[in-house]
Amino acid sequence: EVANLDLDTSGRLVMWAIVWQSFLDSPWIGNGVGTSADLVETTIPGVSHPHCDYLMMLHDYGIVGFLLFTLGLGNLTHRLWKSWRATCGLDSTQTGIRLATLLFLIAIMLAMITDNCMSYTYLMAPLAIMIGISCRPQESLGD
């Protein structure tokens, strides 16, 4: 309940608290690949993911892995931003594709707060293709 408003977190707060406490056992290097999913599955029957990709990264790969992951995301976002800005004044057909890719990545990054988007192939495969198209050098676009 927040300011007399009931928020349904679907049990996520309990799940996140369990994963967070386990993360504190090995914060620097993590507990190992897939251990957050195993922990949630054994603690809360019927749930197989922690439903927060960032918390999952922290738990499984530790602060070191999480920092590398977030630096990679930040670098990719910056590169997509620069790629989009490079085509803005050129009346290029690539401008819309590059902006859509940037917005798609930002949307996925926001959704990763409360969901396990990294395990959804139907989201990640199109995003990867769009990123590959959008990060091509300007000279190879053929516009």
N, C-alpha and C. Protein backbone atom coordinates (compact mmCIF):
# COMPACT_ATOMS: atom_id res chain seq x y z
N GLU A 1 0.85 -1.18 0.00
CA GLU A 1 0.00 0.00 0.00
C GLU A 1 0.89 1.24 0.00
N VAL A 2 0.66 2.11 -0.96
CA VAL A 2 1.41 3.35 -1.09
C VAL A 2 0.42 4.49 -1.18
N ALA A 3 0.47 5.41 -0.21
CA ALA A 3 -0.43 6.57 -0.18
C ALA A 3 -1.88 6.15 -0.35
N ASN A 4 -2.34 5.20 0.46
CA ASN A 4 -3.71 4.68 0.42
C ASN A 4 -4.07 4.04 -0.91
N LEU A 5 -3.08 3.62 -1.67
CA LEU A 5 -3.31 2.96 -2.95
C LEU A 5 -2.71 1.57 -2.87
N ASP A 6 -3.52 0.55 -3.11
CA ASP A 6 -3.03 -0.82 -3.10
C ASP A 6 -2.33 -1.13 -4.41
N LEU A 7 -1.11 -1.62 -4.32
CA LEU A 7 -0.34 -2.02 -5.49
C LEU A 7 -0.19 -3.53 -5.49
N ASP A 8 -0.60 -4.16 -6.58
CA ASP A 8 -0.45 -5.60 -6.71
C ASP A 8 0.88 -5.89 -7.36
N THR A 9 1.80 -6.41 -6.58
CA THR A 9 3.13 -6.74 -7.11
C THR A 9 3.23 -8.21 -7.48
N SER A 10 2.14 -8.94 -7.41
CA SER A 10 2.09 -10.35 -7.80
C SER A 10 3.15 -11.18 -7.10
N GLY A 11 3.46 -10.85 -5.88
CA GLY A 11 4.45 -11.61 -5.13
C GLY A 11 5.89 -11.27 -5.45
N ARG A 12 6.11 -10.30 -6.32
CA ARG A 12 7.47 -9.95 -6.73
C ARG A 12 8.31 -9.42 -5.57
N LEU A 13 7.71 -8.64 -4.69
CA LEU A 13 8.48 -8.07 -3.58
C LEU A 13 9.04 -9.16 -2.68
N VAL A 14 8.25 -10.19 -2.42
CA VAL A 14 8.72 -11.31 -1.60
C VAL A 14 9.85 -12.04 -2.33
N MET A 15 9.64 -12.29 -3.61
CA MET A 15 10.63 -12.98 -4.42
C MET A 15 11.92 -12.17 -4.50
N TRP A 16 11.81 -10.87 -4.71
CA TRP A 16 12.99 -10.03 -4.82
C TRP A 16 13.75 -9.99 -3.49
N ALA A 17 13.03 -9.97 -2.38
CA ALA A 17 13.69 -9.97 -1.06
C ALA A 17 14.50 -11.24 -0.86
N ILE A 18 13.96 -12.37 -1.27
CA ILE A 18 14.67 -13.65 -1.15
C ILE A 18 15.93 -13.65 -2.00
N VAL A 19 15.81 -13.19 -3.25
CA VAL A 19 16.96 -13.16 -4.15
C VAL A 19 18.00 -12.15 -3.65
N TRP A 20 17.56 -11.02 -3.14
CA TRP A 20 18.48 -10.00 -2.63
C TRP A 20 19.29 -10.54 -1.44
N GLN A 21 18.61 -11.21 -0.52
CA GLN A 21 19.31 -11.78 0.63
C GLN A 21 20.35 -12.81 0.20
N SER A 22 20.02 -13.60 -0.80
CA SER A 22 20.97 -14.58 -1.32
C SER A 22 22.13 -13.89 -2.04
N PHE A 23 21.85 -12.79 -2.74
CA PHE A 23 22.90 -12.02 -3.41
C PHE A 23 23.94 -11.53 -2.41
N LEU A 24 23.49 -11.15 -1.23
CA LEU A 24 24.40 -10.63 -0.21
C LEU A 24 25.41 -11.66 0.28
N ASP A 25 25.16 -12.96 0.01
CA ASP A 25 26.11 -14.01 0.38
C ASP A 25 27.40 -13.93 -0.44
N SER A 26 27.30 -13.51 -1.69
CA SER A 26 28.46 -13.40 -2.57
C SER A 26 28.28 -12.21 -3.50
N PRO A 27 28.39 -11.00 -2.98
CA PRO A 27 28.05 -9.82 -3.79
C PRO A 27 29.03 -9.50 -4.91
N TRP A 28 30.29 -9.81 -4.78
CA TRP A 28 31.26 -9.38 -5.78
C TRP A 28 31.28 -10.24 -7.02
N ILE A 29 31.28 -11.55 -6.87
CA ILE A 29 31.38 -12.42 -8.05
C ILE A 29 30.10 -13.21 -8.30
N GLY A 30 29.11 -13.06 -7.47
CA GLY A 30 27.83 -13.70 -7.68
C GLY A 30 27.78 -15.14 -7.22
N ASN A 31 26.65 -15.75 -7.42
CA ASN A 31 26.41 -17.11 -6.95
C ASN A 31 26.44 -18.14 -8.07
N GLY A 32 26.63 -17.71 -9.31
CA GLY A 32 26.71 -18.63 -10.44
C GLY A 32 25.53 -18.52 -11.37
N VAL A 33 25.75 -18.90 -12.59
CA VAL A 33 24.74 -18.80 -13.64
C VAL A 33 23.52 -19.65 -13.30
N GLY A 34 22.35 -19.05 -13.33
CA GLY A 34 21.10 -19.77 -13.12
C GLY A 34 20.71 -19.99 -11.67
N THR A 35 21.54 -19.55 -10.74
CA THR A 35 21.23 -19.82 -9.33
C THR A 35 20.04 -19.00 -8.83
N SER A 36 19.82 -17.82 -9.39
CA SER A 36 18.64 -17.04 -8.96
C SER A 36 17.35 -17.75 -9.36
N ALA A 37 17.31 -18.31 -10.55
CA ALA A 37 16.12 -19.06 -10.99
C ALA A 37 15.93 -20.31 -10.13
N ASP A 38 17.02 -21.01 -9.82
CA ASP A 38 16.93 -22.19 -8.96
C ASP A 38 16.42 -21.82 -7.58
N LEU A 39 16.93 -20.71 -7.03
CA LEU A 39 16.51 -20.26 -5.72
C LEU A 39 15.02 -19.94 -5.68
N VAL A 40 14.55 -19.20 -6.67
CA VAL A 40 13.14 -18.83 -6.72
C VAL A 40 12.27 -20.07 -6.91
N GLU A 41 12.71 -20.96 -7.77
CA GLU A 41 11.92 -22.17 -8.06
C GLU A 41 11.79 -23.07 -6.83
N THR A 42 12.83 -23.17 -6.03
CA THR A 42 12.75 -24.02 -4.84
C THR A 42 12.04 -23.33 -3.68
N THR A 43 12.08 -22.01 -3.64
CA THR A 43 11.46 -21.26 -2.54
C THR A 43 9.99 -20.99 -2.78
N ILE A 44 9.64 -20.63 -4.01
CA ILE A 44 8.26 -20.29 -4.34
C ILE A 44 7.78 -21.24 -5.44
N PRO A 45 7.01 -22.24 -5.09
CA PRO A 45 6.55 -23.22 -6.09
C PRO A 45 5.75 -22.55 -7.22
N GLY A 46 6.02 -22.97 -8.43
CA GLY A 46 5.29 -22.46 -9.59
C GLY A 46 5.93 -21.24 -10.22
N VAL A 47 6.98 -20.69 -9.62
CA VAL A 47 7.67 -19.53 -10.18
C VAL A 47 9.08 -19.97 -10.56
N SER A 48 9.49 -19.63 -11.80
CA SER A 48 10.78 -20.13 -12.26
C SER A 48 11.81 -19.04 -12.54
N HIS A 49 11.44 -17.77 -12.40
CA HIS A 49 12.37 -16.66 -12.64
C HIS A 49 12.16 -15.59 -11.58
N PRO A 50 13.19 -14.79 -11.30
CA PRO A 50 13.03 -13.72 -10.31
C PRO A 50 12.24 -12.51 -10.82
N HIS A 51 11.89 -12.48 -12.09
CA HIS A 51 11.11 -11.39 -12.68
C HIS A 51 11.74 -10.02 -12.47
N CYS A 52 13.05 -9.96 -12.55
CA CYS A 52 13.82 -8.71 -12.58
C CYS A 52 15.19 -9.08 -13.13
N ASP A 53 15.41 -8.77 -14.39
CA ASP A 53 16.67 -9.16 -15.02
C ASP A 53 17.88 -8.51 -14.34
N TYR A 54 17.73 -7.31 -13.85
CA TYR A 54 18.85 -6.64 -13.19
C TYR A 54 19.21 -7.35 -11.88
N LEU A 55 18.20 -7.72 -11.11
CA LEU A 55 18.45 -8.45 -9.87
C LEU A 55 19.03 -9.83 -10.16
N MET A 56 18.54 -10.46 -11.22
CA MET A 56 19.08 -11.75 -11.63
C MET A 56 20.56 -11.64 -12.00
N MET A 57 20.91 -10.58 -12.73
CA MET A 57 22.32 -10.36 -13.10
C MET A 57 23.17 -10.13 -11.84
N LEU A 58 22.67 -9.34 -10.92
CA LEU A 58 23.40 -9.10 -9.67
C LEU A 58 23.61 -10.40 -8.90
N HIS A 59 22.56 -11.17 -8.75
CA HIS A 59 22.64 -12.42 -7.99
C HIS A 59 23.57 -13.42 -8.65
N ASP A 60 23.39 -13.63 -9.95
CA ASP A 60 24.14 -14.68 -10.65
C ASP A 60 25.59 -14.29 -10.94
N TYR A 61 25.83 -13.04 -11.32
CA TYR A 61 27.16 -12.62 -11.78
C TYR A 61 27.85 -11.64 -10.84
N GLY A 62 27.18 -11.21 -9.79
CA GLY A 62 27.78 -10.30 -8.82
C GLY A 62 27.90 -8.88 -9.34
N ILE A 63 28.49 -8.04 -8.52
CA ILE A 63 28.66 -6.64 -8.87
C ILE A 63 29.55 -6.48 -10.10
N VAL A 64 30.58 -7.31 -10.19
CA VAL A 64 31.50 -7.24 -11.33
C VAL A 64 30.75 -7.52 -12.63
N GLY A 65 30.02 -8.61 -12.70
CA GLY A 65 29.26 -8.95 -13.90
C GLY A 65 28.16 -7.94 -14.20
N PHE A 66 27.50 -7.48 -13.14
CA PHE A 66 26.43 -6.48 -13.32
C PHE A 66 26.99 -5.19 -13.90
N LEU A 67 28.14 -4.74 -13.40
CA LEU A 67 28.75 -3.51 -13.92
C LEU A 67 29.16 -3.68 -15.38
N LEU A 68 29.73 -4.82 -15.73
CA LEU A 68 30.09 -5.07 -17.12
C LEU A 68 28.85 -5.07 -18.01
N PHE A 69 27.78 -5.70 -17.53
CA PHE A 69 26.52 -5.74 -18.28
C PHE A 69 25.94 -4.34 -18.48
N THR A 70 25.88 -3.56 -17.41
CA THR A 70 25.29 -2.22 -17.53
C THR A 70 26.19 -1.28 -18.34
N LEU A 71 27.50 -1.45 -18.25
CA LEU A 71 28.39 -0.67 -19.11
C LEU A 71 28.15 -1.01 -20.59
N GLY A 72 27.96 -2.29 -20.87
CA GLY A 72 27.64 -2.70 -22.24
C GLY A 72 26.33 -2.12 -22.73
N LEU A 73 25.31 -2.17 -21.88
CA LEU A 73 24.02 -1.57 -22.25
C LEU A 73 24.14 -0.06 -22.48
N GLY A 74 24.88 0.60 -21.59
CA GLY A 74 25.08 2.04 -21.74
C GLY A 74 25.83 2.37 -23.02
N ASN A 75 26.87 1.60 -23.32
CA ASN A 75 27.64 1.81 -24.54
C ASN A 75 26.78 1.58 -25.78
N LEU A 76 25.98 0.52 -25.77
CA LEU A 76 25.11 0.23 -26.89
C LEU A 76 24.06 1.33 -27.08
N THR A 77 23.48 1.80 -26.00
CA THR A 77 22.50 2.87 -26.07
C THR A 77 23.14 4.14 -26.65
N HIS A 78 24.33 4.46 -26.18
CA HIS A 78 25.05 5.65 -26.68
C HIS A 78 25.37 5.51 -28.16
N ARG A 79 25.80 4.32 -28.56
CA ARG A 79 26.13 4.09 -29.97
C ARG A 79 24.89 4.20 -30.86
N LEU A 80 23.76 3.66 -30.38
CA LEU A 80 22.52 3.79 -31.15
C LEU A 80 22.08 5.25 -31.24
N TRP A 81 22.25 5.99 -30.14
CA TRP A 81 21.91 7.41 -30.14
C TRP A 81 22.74 8.15 -31.19
N LYS A 82 24.06 7.91 -31.18
CA LYS A 82 24.93 8.57 -32.15
C LYS A 82 24.59 8.16 -33.58
N SER A 83 24.28 6.90 -33.77
CA SER A 83 23.92 6.40 -35.09
C SER A 83 22.64 7.07 -35.59
N TRP A 84 21.67 7.21 -34.72
CA TRP A 84 20.42 7.88 -35.10
C TRP A 84 20.68 9.35 -35.40
N ARG A 85 21.43 10.03 -34.54
CA ARG A 85 21.70 11.46 -34.73
C ARG A 85 22.48 11.71 -36.02
N ALA A 86 23.32 10.76 -36.44
CA ALA A 86 24.10 10.92 -37.66
C ALA A 86 23.22 10.92 -38.90
N THR A 87 22.05 10.30 -38.83
CA THR A 87 21.17 10.24 -40.00
C THR A 87 20.01 11.23 -39.92
N CYS A 88 19.89 11.98 -38.84
CA CYS A 88 18.73 12.86 -38.66
C CYS A 88 18.56 13.89 -39.76
N GLY A 89 19.60 14.57 -40.18
CA GLY A 89 19.46 15.63 -41.17
C GLY A 89 19.62 15.17 -42.60
N LEU A 90 19.75 13.89 -42.83
CA LEU A 90 20.06 13.38 -44.16
C LEU A 90 18.83 12.92 -44.95
N ASP A 91 17.66 13.02 -44.38
CA ASP A 91 16.44 12.52 -45.02
C ASP A 91 16.64 11.07 -45.45
N SER A 92 17.21 10.31 -44.56
CA SER A 92 17.54 8.91 -44.83
C SER A 92 16.40 8.00 -44.38
N THR A 93 16.22 6.90 -45.09
CA THR A 93 15.22 5.92 -44.67
C THR A 93 15.68 5.20 -43.39
N GLN A 94 16.98 5.27 -43.11
CA GLN A 94 17.52 4.63 -41.92
C GLN A 94 17.22 5.39 -40.63
N THR A 95 16.85 6.65 -40.74
CA THR A 95 16.60 7.46 -39.55
C THR A 95 15.50 6.84 -38.69
N GLY A 96 14.39 6.46 -39.30
CA GLY A 96 13.28 5.86 -38.57
C GLY A 96 13.64 4.52 -37.97
N ILE A 97 14.38 3.72 -38.72
CA ILE A 97 14.79 2.41 -38.21
C ILE A 97 15.71 2.57 -37.01
N ARG A 98 16.62 3.51 -37.08
CA ARG A 98 17.57 3.73 -35.98
C ARG A 98 16.87 4.28 -34.74
N LEU A 99 15.92 5.17 -34.94
CA LEU A 99 15.17 5.69 -33.79
C LEU A 99 14.31 4.58 -33.18
N ALA A 100 13.67 3.78 -34.02
CA ALA A 100 12.85 2.67 -33.51
C ALA A 100 13.70 1.68 -32.72
N THR A 101 14.91 1.41 -33.20
CA THR A 101 15.81 0.51 -32.48
C THR A 101 16.19 1.07 -31.12
N LEU A 102 16.52 2.35 -31.08
CA LEU A 102 16.88 3.00 -29.82
C LEU A 102 15.71 2.94 -28.84
N LEU A 103 14.52 3.26 -29.30
CA LEU A 103 13.35 3.23 -28.43
C LEU A 103 12.99 1.82 -28.00
N PHE A 104 13.18 0.85 -28.88
CA PHE A 104 12.94 -0.56 -28.55
C PHE A 104 13.89 -1.01 -27.44
N LEU A 105 15.17 -0.65 -27.57
CA LEU A 105 16.15 -1.00 -26.55
C LEU A 105 15.79 -0.36 -25.21
N ILE A 106 15.42 0.91 -25.21
CA ILE A 106 15.05 1.59 -23.98
C ILE A 106 13.82 0.94 -23.35
N ALA A 107 12.84 0.57 -24.17
CA ALA A 107 11.64 -0.10 -23.66
C ALA A 107 11.99 -1.44 -23.02
N ILE A 108 12.87 -2.20 -23.66
CA ILE A 108 13.29 -3.48 -23.09
C ILE A 108 14.03 -3.26 -21.78
N MET A 109 14.91 -2.26 -21.73
CA MET A 109 15.65 -1.97 -20.51
C MET A 109 14.71 -1.60 -19.36
N LEU A 110 13.65 -0.89 -19.66
CA LEU A 110 12.67 -0.55 -18.63
C LEU A 110 11.87 -1.78 -18.21
N ALA A 111 11.48 -2.60 -19.17
CA ALA A 111 10.71 -3.81 -18.86
C ALA A 111 11.53 -4.81 -18.04
N MET A 112 12.85 -4.76 -18.17
CA MET A 112 13.72 -5.68 -17.43
C MET A 112 13.66 -5.43 -15.92
N ILE A 113 13.10 -4.31 -15.51
CA ILE A 113 12.98 -4.01 -14.08
C ILE A 113 11.98 -4.96 -13.42
N THR A 114 10.92 -5.30 -14.10
CA THR A 114 9.88 -6.14 -13.49
C THR A 114 9.61 -7.43 -14.25
N ASP A 115 10.46 -7.78 -15.19
CA ASP A 115 10.21 -8.99 -15.97
C ASP A 115 11.55 -9.62 -16.35
N ASN A 116 11.47 -10.80 -16.92
CA ASN A 116 12.66 -11.52 -17.34
C ASN A 116 12.77 -11.51 -18.86
N CYS A 117 12.91 -10.31 -19.43
CA CYS A 117 12.93 -10.13 -20.88
C CYS A 117 14.09 -10.83 -21.56
N MET A 118 15.22 -10.97 -20.87
CA MET A 118 16.39 -11.58 -21.51
C MET A 118 16.15 -13.03 -21.90
N SER A 119 15.15 -13.66 -21.33
CA SER A 119 14.87 -15.05 -21.69
C SER A 119 13.79 -15.16 -22.76
N TYR A 120 13.30 -14.04 -23.25
CA TYR A 120 12.27 -14.04 -24.29
C TYR A 120 12.91 -13.90 -25.66
N THR A 121 13.03 -14.99 -26.37
CA THR A 121 13.63 -14.97 -27.69
C THR A 121 12.84 -14.10 -28.65
N TYR A 122 11.52 -14.08 -28.51
CA TYR A 122 10.68 -13.29 -29.41
C TYR A 122 10.88 -11.80 -29.22
N LEU A 123 11.53 -11.37 -28.14
CA LEU A 123 11.91 -9.96 -27.96
C LEU A 123 13.36 -9.73 -28.35
N MET A 124 14.23 -10.61 -27.88
CA MET A 124 15.66 -10.38 -28.04
C MET A 124 16.15 -10.61 -29.48
N ALA A 125 15.58 -11.56 -30.20
CA ALA A 125 16.03 -11.81 -31.57
C ALA A 125 15.73 -10.62 -32.49
N PRO A 126 14.50 -10.08 -32.49
CA PRO A 126 14.25 -8.90 -33.32
C PRO A 126 15.10 -7.69 -32.89
N LEU A 127 15.29 -7.53 -31.57
CA LEU A 127 16.13 -6.43 -31.10
C LEU A 127 17.55 -6.58 -31.61
N ALA A 128 18.10 -7.78 -31.55
CA ALA A 128 19.47 -8.02 -32.03
C ALA A 128 19.59 -7.72 -33.52
N ILE A 129 18.60 -8.12 -34.30
CA ILE A 129 18.62 -7.84 -35.75
C ILE A 129 18.56 -6.34 -35.99
N MET A 130 17.68 -5.66 -35.27
CA MET A 130 17.56 -4.21 -35.44
C MET A 130 18.83 -3.49 -35.02
N ILE A 131 19.47 -3.95 -33.96
CA ILE A 131 20.72 -3.34 -33.52
C ILE A 131 21.81 -3.55 -34.58
N GLY A 132 21.87 -4.75 -35.13
CA GLY A 132 22.85 -5.01 -36.18
C GLY A 132 22.66 -4.11 -37.39
N ILE A 133 21.42 -3.91 -37.79
CA ILE A 133 21.13 -3.02 -38.92
C ILE A 133 21.47 -1.58 -38.57
N SER A 134 21.13 -1.16 -37.38
CA SER A 134 21.30 0.24 -36.98
C SER A 134 22.74 0.62 -36.71
N CYS A 135 23.59 -0.33 -36.37
CA CYS A 135 24.98 -0.01 -36.05
C CYS A 135 25.92 -0.11 -37.24
N ARG A 136 25.36 -0.36 -38.41
CA ARG A 136 26.20 -0.39 -39.60
C ARG A 136 26.80 1.00 -39.83
N PRO A 137 28.00 1.05 -40.42
CA PRO A 137 28.58 2.35 -40.76
C PRO A 137 27.73 3.08 -41.79
N GLN A 138 27.73 4.38 -41.72
CA GLN A 138 26.92 5.21 -42.62
C GLN A 138 27.24 4.94 -44.08
N GLU A 139 28.51 4.68 -44.43
CA GLU A 139 28.92 4.47 -45.83
C GLU A 139 28.26 3.25 -46.45
N SER A 140 27.90 2.24 -45.65
CA SER A 140 27.38 0.99 -46.19
C SER A 140 25.87 0.99 -46.31
N LEU A 141 25.22 2.12 -46.06
CA LEU A 141 23.76 2.13 -46.07
C LEU A 141 23.19 2.15 -47.48
N GLY A 142 23.87 2.74 -48.43
CA GLY A 142 23.37 2.76 -49.78
C GLY A 142 22.23 3.73 -50.01
N ASP A 143 22.03 4.69 -49.11
CA ASP A 143 20.97 5.69 -49.29
C ASP A 143 21.44 6.83 -50.15
